[in-house]
Amino acid sequence: MADFDEIYEQILNASYYQRVSTGKNCAKKIKKHVKEITNFSESRLNNLILGSLRAVIGADDELSEDEYDYICDVLDIDMSFEQMFNFFYNMSNDDINLTKKFINALPEDERVSFIILAICICAADGEISHEEHRALKKYF
């Protein structure tokens, strides 16, 4: 698997637009894989990805405006900040554990894409908190 620290540094040093492009490519790859084994709608695919990102994005108990904007740009979703915050806030521990199982069941290429997408989202506000960094490392 790719080196976490190398990917981490590349993303932190990339421009916002480079991170959006990278995130869109990663999301596309994940969605393609899930579509091959399910009949999920685009909306359900986005919710699956969002839910799967909850453990990382919520690791520092924050959803910043920058993270929100990035998620909307990458997933092309129309959800208010409040709706997204509530989506994350209302997830149960069982939901979070189920999404972790989903991530760990992904083939390696898609799992790396997921991790890269998560790093891009956490870096959207210009930094990755210690808590987010720790949560990201758990997936590597």
Protein backbone atom coordinates (compact mmCIF):
# COMPACT_ATOMS: atom_id res chain seq x y z
CA MET A 1 0.00 0.00 0.00
CA ALA A 2 1.09 3.56 -0.61
CA ASP A 3 2.98 5.37 2.12
CA PHE A 4 0.60 7.37 4.35
CA ASP A 5 3.08 10.12 5.19
CA GLU A 6 3.97 10.63 1.53
CA ILE A 7 0.31 10.90 0.48
CA TYR A 8 -0.42 13.12 3.47
CA GLU A 9 2.34 15.59 2.55
CA GLN A 10 1.39 15.66 -1.13
CA ILE A 11 -2.21 16.53 -0.28
CA LEU A 12 -1.28 19.17 2.28
CA ASN A 13 0.98 20.82 -0.30
CA ALA A 14 -1.63 20.70 -3.10
CA SER A 15 -3.86 23.63 -3.99
CA TYR A 16 -7.56 23.53 -3.18
CA TYR A 17 -8.38 22.88 -6.84
CA GLN A 18 -5.88 20.03 -7.02
CA ARG A 19 -7.47 18.51 -3.91
CA VAL A 20 -10.95 18.87 -5.45
CA SER A 21 -9.80 17.13 -8.62
CA THR A 22 -8.13 14.39 -6.59
CA GLY A 23 -11.21 14.00 -4.38
CA LYS A 24 -13.55 13.77 -7.38
CA ASN A 25 -11.36 11.06 -8.93
CA CYS A 26 -11.30 9.11 -5.67
CA ALA A 27 -15.07 9.41 -5.16
CA LYS A 28 -15.65 8.32 -8.76
CA LYS A 29 -13.49 5.23 -8.26
CA ILE A 30 -15.29 4.28 -5.02
CA LYS A 31 -18.73 4.84 -6.56
CA LYS A 32 -17.82 2.75 -9.62
CA HIS A 33 -16.84 -0.16 -7.41
CA VAL A 34 -19.99 0.07 -5.26
CA LYS A 35 -22.21 0.36 -8.36
CA GLU A 36 -20.72 -2.89 -9.66
CA ILE A 37 -22.05 -4.78 -6.62
CA THR A 38 -25.21 -2.78 -5.77
CA ASN A 39 -27.97 -0.85 -7.45
CA PHE A 40 -27.51 2.23 -5.25
CA SER A 41 -28.71 5.59 -6.56
CA GLU A 42 -26.26 8.51 -6.75
CA SER A 43 -27.81 9.96 -3.60
CA ARG A 44 -27.41 6.70 -1.70
CA LEU A 45 -23.81 6.38 -2.90
CA ASN A 46 -23.08 9.89 -1.62
CA ASN A 47 -24.69 9.06 1.74
CA LEU A 48 -22.61 5.89 1.98
CA ILE A 49 -19.42 7.84 1.31
CA LEU A 50 -20.44 10.63 3.70
CA GLY A 51 -21.33 8.15 6.42
CA SER A 52 -18.06 6.32 5.90
CA LEU A 53 -16.16 9.57 6.32
CA ARG A 54 -17.88 10.40 9.62
CA ALA A 55 -15.30 8.70 11.82
CA VAL A 56 -12.51 10.77 10.31
CA ILE A 57 -14.26 14.10 9.76
CA GLY A 58 -15.85 13.98 13.20
CA ALA A 59 -12.67 12.90 14.96
CA ASP A 60 -12.08 16.47 16.15
CA ASP A 61 -15.81 17.01 16.87
CA GLU A 62 -15.99 19.64 14.14
CA LEU A 63 -17.30 20.08 10.65
CA SER A 64 -15.69 23.24 9.37
CA GLU A 65 -17.23 25.42 6.66
CA ASP A 66 -14.20 24.59 4.50
CA GLU A 67 -14.72 20.85 4.93
CA TYR A 68 -18.42 21.31 4.13
CA ASP A 69 -17.64 23.31 0.98
CA TYR A 70 -15.08 20.74 -0.14
CA ILE A 71 -17.49 17.83 0.36
CA CYS A 72 -20.18 19.64 -1.63
CA ASP A 73 -17.69 20.43 -4.42
CA VAL A 74 -16.37 16.87 -4.62
CA LEU A 75 -19.61 14.93 -4.29
CA ASP A 76 -21.77 17.49 -6.12
CA ILE A 77 -24.38 17.37 -3.39
CA ASP A 78 -27.00 19.92 -2.51
CA MET A 79 -27.18 19.83 1.27
CA SER A 80 -27.09 22.74 3.69
CA PHE A 81 -24.36 22.97 6.30
CA GLU A 82 -26.97 22.28 8.97
CA GLN A 83 -28.27 19.21 7.13
CA MET A 84 -24.78 17.79 6.75
CA PHE A 85 -23.91 18.53 10.36
CA ASN A 86 -27.10 16.77 11.49
CA PHE A 87 -26.39 13.86 9.15
CA PHE A 88 -23.04 13.33 10.90
CA TYR A 89 -24.31 14.15 14.39
CA ASN A 90 -27.25 11.73 14.19
CA MET A 91 -25.19 8.73 13.16
CA SER A 92 -25.25 6.01 15.80
CA ASN A 93 -22.18 4.09 16.88
CA ASP A 94 -23.64 1.08 15.05
CA ASP A 95 -23.85 3.15 11.85
CA ILE A 96 -20.25 4.27 12.28
CA ASN A 97 -19.05 0.72 12.94
CA LEU A 98 -20.93 -0.53 9.87
CA THR A 99 -19.30 2.09 7.66
CA LYS A 100 -15.87 1.13 9.03
CA LYS A 101 -16.58 -2.45 7.98
CA PHE A 102 -17.53 -1.16 4.52
CA ILE A 103 -14.22 0.70 4.20
CA ASN A 104 -12.18 -2.26 5.38
CA ALA A 105 -14.01 -4.53 2.90
CA LEU A 106 -13.07 -2.36 -0.08
CA PRO A 107 -10.40 -3.69 -2.45
CA GLU A 108 -7.02 -2.06 -1.80
CA ASP A 109 -7.18 0.46 -4.67
CA GLU A 110 -10.61 1.74 -3.61
CA ARG A 111 -9.59 1.74 0.05
CA VAL A 112 -6.56 3.89 -0.77
CA SER A 113 -8.87 6.18 -2.78
CA PHE A 114 -11.14 6.44 0.25
CA ILE A 115 -8.22 7.34 2.50
CA ILE A 116 -6.97 9.95 0.03
CA LEU A 117 -10.48 11.43 -0.16
CA ALA A 118 -10.65 11.55 3.63
CA ILE A 119 -7.25 13.28 3.84
CA CYS A 120 -8.37 15.82 1.23
CA ILE A 121 -11.51 16.62 3.22
CA CYS A 122 -9.66 16.96 6.50
CA ALA A 123 -7.09 19.21 4.79
CA ALA A 124 -9.78 21.48 3.30
CA ASP A 125 -9.40 24.00 6.10
CA GLY A 126 -5.62 24.12 5.63
CA GLU A 127 -4.68 21.74 8.41
CA ILE A 128 -5.37 18.30 9.73
CA SER A 129 -6.00 18.14 13.45
CA HIS A 130 -4.16 15.66 15.64
CA GLU A 131 -7.44 13.77 16.17
CA GLU A 132 -8.13 13.61 12.42
CA HIS A 133 -4.57 12.44 11.77
CA ARG A 134 -4.95 9.66 14.33
CA ALA A 135 -8.30 8.58 12.84
CA LEU A 136 -6.82 8.57 9.32
CA LYS A 137 -3.86 6.43 10.37
CA LYS A 138 -6.29 3.77 11.67
CA TYR A 139 -7.44 3.12 8.11
CA PHE A 140 -3.89 2.65 6.81
